[in-house]
Protein backbone atom coordinates (compact mmCIF):
# COMPACT_ATOMS: atom_id res chain seq x y z
CA MET A 1 0.00 0.00 0.00
CA LYS A 2 2.95 2.35 0.65
CA MET A 3 3.95 2.11 -3.00
CA LEU A 4 0.41 2.92 -4.13
CA SER A 5 0.19 6.00 -1.93
CA GLU A 6 3.55 7.19 -3.31
CA LEU A 7 2.21 6.75 -6.85
CA LEU A 8 -0.89 8.90 -6.37
CA ASN A 9 1.25 12.02 -6.63
CA PRO A 10 0.26 13.67 -9.94
CA VAL A 11 3.83 14.54 -10.94
CA ARG A 12 5.01 10.96 -10.33
CA MET A 13 2.08 9.61 -12.31
CA LYS A 14 2.99 11.93 -15.20
CA VAL A 15 6.67 10.90 -15.03
CA ILE A 16 5.64 7.24 -15.20
CA GLN A 17 3.28 7.99 -18.09
CA VAL A 18 5.99 9.79 -20.09
CA ILE A 19 8.56 7.04 -19.53
CA SER A 20 6.00 4.32 -20.32
CA GLU A 21 5.03 6.02 -23.58
CA LYS A 22 8.65 6.49 -24.67
CA GLY A 23 9.92 3.13 -23.39
CA SER A 24 12.74 4.97 -21.61
CA ALA A 25 13.55 8.62 -20.97
CA THR A 26 16.10 11.01 -19.54
CA PRO A 27 15.12 13.81 -17.13
CA LYS A 28 15.60 16.27 -20.02
CA GLU A 29 13.06 14.35 -22.12
CA ILE A 30 10.63 14.24 -19.20
CA ILE A 31 10.91 18.01 -18.66
CA GLU A 32 10.29 18.56 -22.39
CA ALA A 33 7.18 16.37 -22.24
CA VAL A 34 5.89 17.90 -19.00
CA PRO A 35 7.06 21.52 -18.77
CA GLY A 36 6.45 23.39 -15.56
CA ILE A 37 8.01 20.84 -13.23
CA PRO A 38 11.02 22.41 -11.48
CA VAL A 39 14.15 20.38 -12.24
CA ALA A 40 14.99 19.84 -8.55
CA SER A 41 11.44 18.63 -7.93
CA LEU A 42 11.63 16.23 -10.89
CA TYR A 43 14.83 14.69 -9.52
CA ARG A 44 13.20 14.22 -6.09
CA HIS A 45 10.25 12.43 -7.72
CA ILE A 46 12.56 10.24 -9.82
CA LYS A 47 14.57 9.38 -6.69
CA LYS A 48 11.37 8.33 -4.87
CA LEU A 49 10.25 6.21 -7.84
CA LEU A 50 13.66 4.52 -7.86
CA GLU A 51 13.45 3.89 -4.09
CA ILE A 52 10.07 2.19 -4.30
CA GLY A 53 11.19 0.09 -7.26
CA VAL A 54 8.95 1.54 -9.96
CA LEU A 55 11.82 2.91 -12.08
CA GLU A 56 15.23 1.57 -12.93
CA ILE A 57 18.29 3.10 -14.57
CA VAL A 58 18.96 1.53 -17.98
CA SER A 59 21.96 3.62 -19.04
CA GLU A 60 24.33 6.33 -17.90
CA THR A 61 25.91 8.65 -20.46
CA PRO A 62 28.73 11.07 -19.57
CA ILE A 63 27.85 14.57 -20.77
CA ARG A 64 30.07 17.62 -20.07
CA GLY A 65 31.33 16.52 -16.67
CA THR A 66 28.08 14.99 -15.48
CA VAL A 67 26.23 11.74 -16.04
CA GLU A 68 22.85 11.68 -17.78
CA LYS A 69 20.75 8.74 -16.65
CA THR A 70 18.07 7.08 -18.72
CA TYR A 71 15.15 5.50 -16.85
CA LYS A 72 12.55 2.90 -17.69
CA VAL A 73 9.52 1.63 -15.84
CA ARG A 74 10.50 -1.50 -13.92
CA LEU A 75 7.00 -2.58 -12.98
CA GLU A 76 3.62 -1.40 -14.10
CA PRO A 77 2.22 0.58 -11.14
CA PHE A 78 -1.13 1.22 -12.80
CA LYS A 79 -1.58 -2.52 -13.21
CA ALA A 80 -0.90 -2.94 -9.47
CA ILE A 81 -3.62 -0.38 -8.72
CA GLU A 82 -6.05 -2.14 -11.08
CA GLU A 83 -5.31 -5.48 -9.38
CA LEU A 84 -5.92 -3.93 -5.98
CA VAL A 85 -9.23 -2.47 -7.15
CA SER A 86 -10.37 -5.85 -8.50
CA SER A 87 -9.17 -7.73 -5.38
CA GLY A 88 -12.39 -7.30 -3.41
CA ASP A 89 -10.39 -6.32 -0.30
CA ARG A 90 -12.48 -3.68 1.51
CA ASN A 91 -9.61 -2.47 3.67
CA ALA A 92 -7.33 -2.06 0.66
CA HIS A 93 -10.09 -0.22 -1.21
CA TYR A 94 -10.64 2.10 1.75
CA ASP A 95 -6.90 2.76 2.04
CA LEU A 96 -6.64 3.49 -1.67
CA PHE A 97 -9.59 5.92 -1.63
CA TYR A 98 -8.34 7.53 1.59
CA THR A 99 -4.94 8.11 -0.02
CA PHE A 100 -6.64 9.56 -3.11
CA ALA A 101 -8.81 11.93 -1.02
CA MET A 102 -5.91 12.97 1.22
CA SER A 103 -3.73 13.71 -1.80
CA MET A 104 -6.41 16.14 -3.00
CA ILE A 105 -6.54 17.77 0.44
CA VAL A 106 -2.75 18.09 0.56
CA ASP A 107 -2.69 19.56 -2.97
CA PHE A 108 -5.43 22.06 -2.09
CA SER A 109 -3.74 22.99 1.19
CA ARG A 110 -0.44 23.57 -0.62
CA TYR A 111 -2.25 25.66 -3.25
CA ILE A 112 -4.10 27.96 -0.81
CA SER A 113 -0.94 28.49 1.22
CA THR A 114 0.71 30.23 -1.73
CA PRO A 115 0.69 34.02 -1.29
CA SER A 116 -1.01 34.81 -4.59
CA TYR A 117 -3.63 32.11 -4.87
CA ASP A 118 -6.75 33.17 -6.74
CA MET A 119 -9.30 30.44 -7.29
CA ALA A 120 -11.14 32.25 -10.09
CA LYS A 121 -7.97 33.28 -11.95
CA ASP A 122 -6.40 29.82 -11.48
CA ARG A 123 -9.64 28.11 -12.57
CA VAL A 124 -9.87 26.07 -9.39
CA GLY A 125 -13.18 24.41 -8.76
CA PHE A 126 -14.87 21.49 -7.11
CA ARG A 127 -18.47 20.39 -7.31
CA SER A 128 -20.71 17.48 -6.55
CA TYR A 129 -23.56 16.74 -8.93
CA PRO A 130 -26.20 14.18 -7.95
CA ILE A 131 -27.28 12.48 -11.19
CA THR A 132 -29.78 9.64 -11.52
CA MET A 133 -28.61 7.17 -14.19
CA THR A 134 -29.18 3.56 -15.11
CA ASP A 135 -26.09 1.36 -15.27
CA GLU A 136 -26.17 1.55 -19.05
CA VAL A 137 -26.38 5.36 -19.07
CA CYS A 138 -23.58 5.49 -16.47
CA ASP A 139 -21.39 3.27 -18.69
CA ASN A 140 -22.07 5.58 -21.65
CA PHE A 141 -21.28 8.63 -19.52
CA LEU A 142 -17.96 7.12 -18.42
CA GLN A 143 -17.06 6.21 -22.02
CA ASP A 144 -17.81 9.75 -23.20
CA PHE A 145 -15.91 11.18 -20.25
CA SER A 146 -12.87 8.98 -21.00
CA GLU A 147 -12.85 10.11 -24.63
CA LEU A 148 -13.01 13.75 -23.55
CA LEU A 149 -10.13 13.29 -21.10
CA LEU A 150 -7.99 11.56 -23.74
CA LYS A 151 -8.50 14.53 -26.04
CA TYR A 152 -6.95 16.85 -23.46
CA LEU A 153 -4.33 14.46 -22.09
CA ASN A 154 -2.72 14.29 -25.53
CA THR A 155 -2.82 18.01 -26.28
CA SER A 156 0.13 19.70 -27.96
CA GLU A 157 -0.29 22.85 -25.81
CA LYS A 158 1.87 21.41 -23.01
CA SER A 159 4.75 23.83 -23.57
CA ASP A 160 2.50 26.86 -23.06
CA GLY A 161 0.22 25.26 -20.49
CA ARG A 162 0.25 24.89 -16.76
CA LEU A 163 0.21 21.53 -15.00
CA ARG A 164 -3.28 21.03 -13.59
CA LYS A 165 -4.62 18.12 -11.60
CA PHE A 166 -8.10 16.87 -12.45
CA SER A 167 -9.56 14.37 -9.99
CA PHE A 168 -13.02 12.94 -9.65
CA ALA A 169 -14.87 10.20 -7.84
CA LEU A 170 -18.08 8.51 -8.96
CA LEU A 171 -19.96 6.98 -6.05
CA PRO A 172 -23.51 5.76 -5.51
CA GLY A 173 -25.47 8.38 -3.59
CA ASP A 174 -27.94 8.08 -0.77
CA GLU A 175 -31.37 7.90 -2.36
CA THR A 176 -32.75 10.30 0.30
CA GLU A 177 -30.51 13.17 -0.87
């Protein structure tokens, strides 16, 4: 479970995604794919992913007095999360959701502690919409939603954009609401 909680960090998830898509990548390639991550922060995230065994170093190339490392994904963390979700283990499910919710609280706390935070200007929002749907309509909604997300996950505006974290949870509601 420790590994899973470490993976729920949005920057680490993006690093894993970039390396998975490329097969292997250097920190320079990761920064190019995900601009806006401070270099020192990227190296801390890579170090953590190495510590928990998600990444491994596949090559080291001397460049102007330093060594450029190339990383690859050692194990598929998203597959581990999928296996946990399908395990039927209530405690593991609770821990996973708790970690997800707490990561949002930590991110929001970090955001509002910045001196110049402005929710309207930064386009920060959170809502809860009670929607009555059949299972079939819910499946269609999730398919449409996935297609919409993919459209924006693969955008070419990354160099001009700002890293944003989009999180959501779909839960059955209390029918008395």
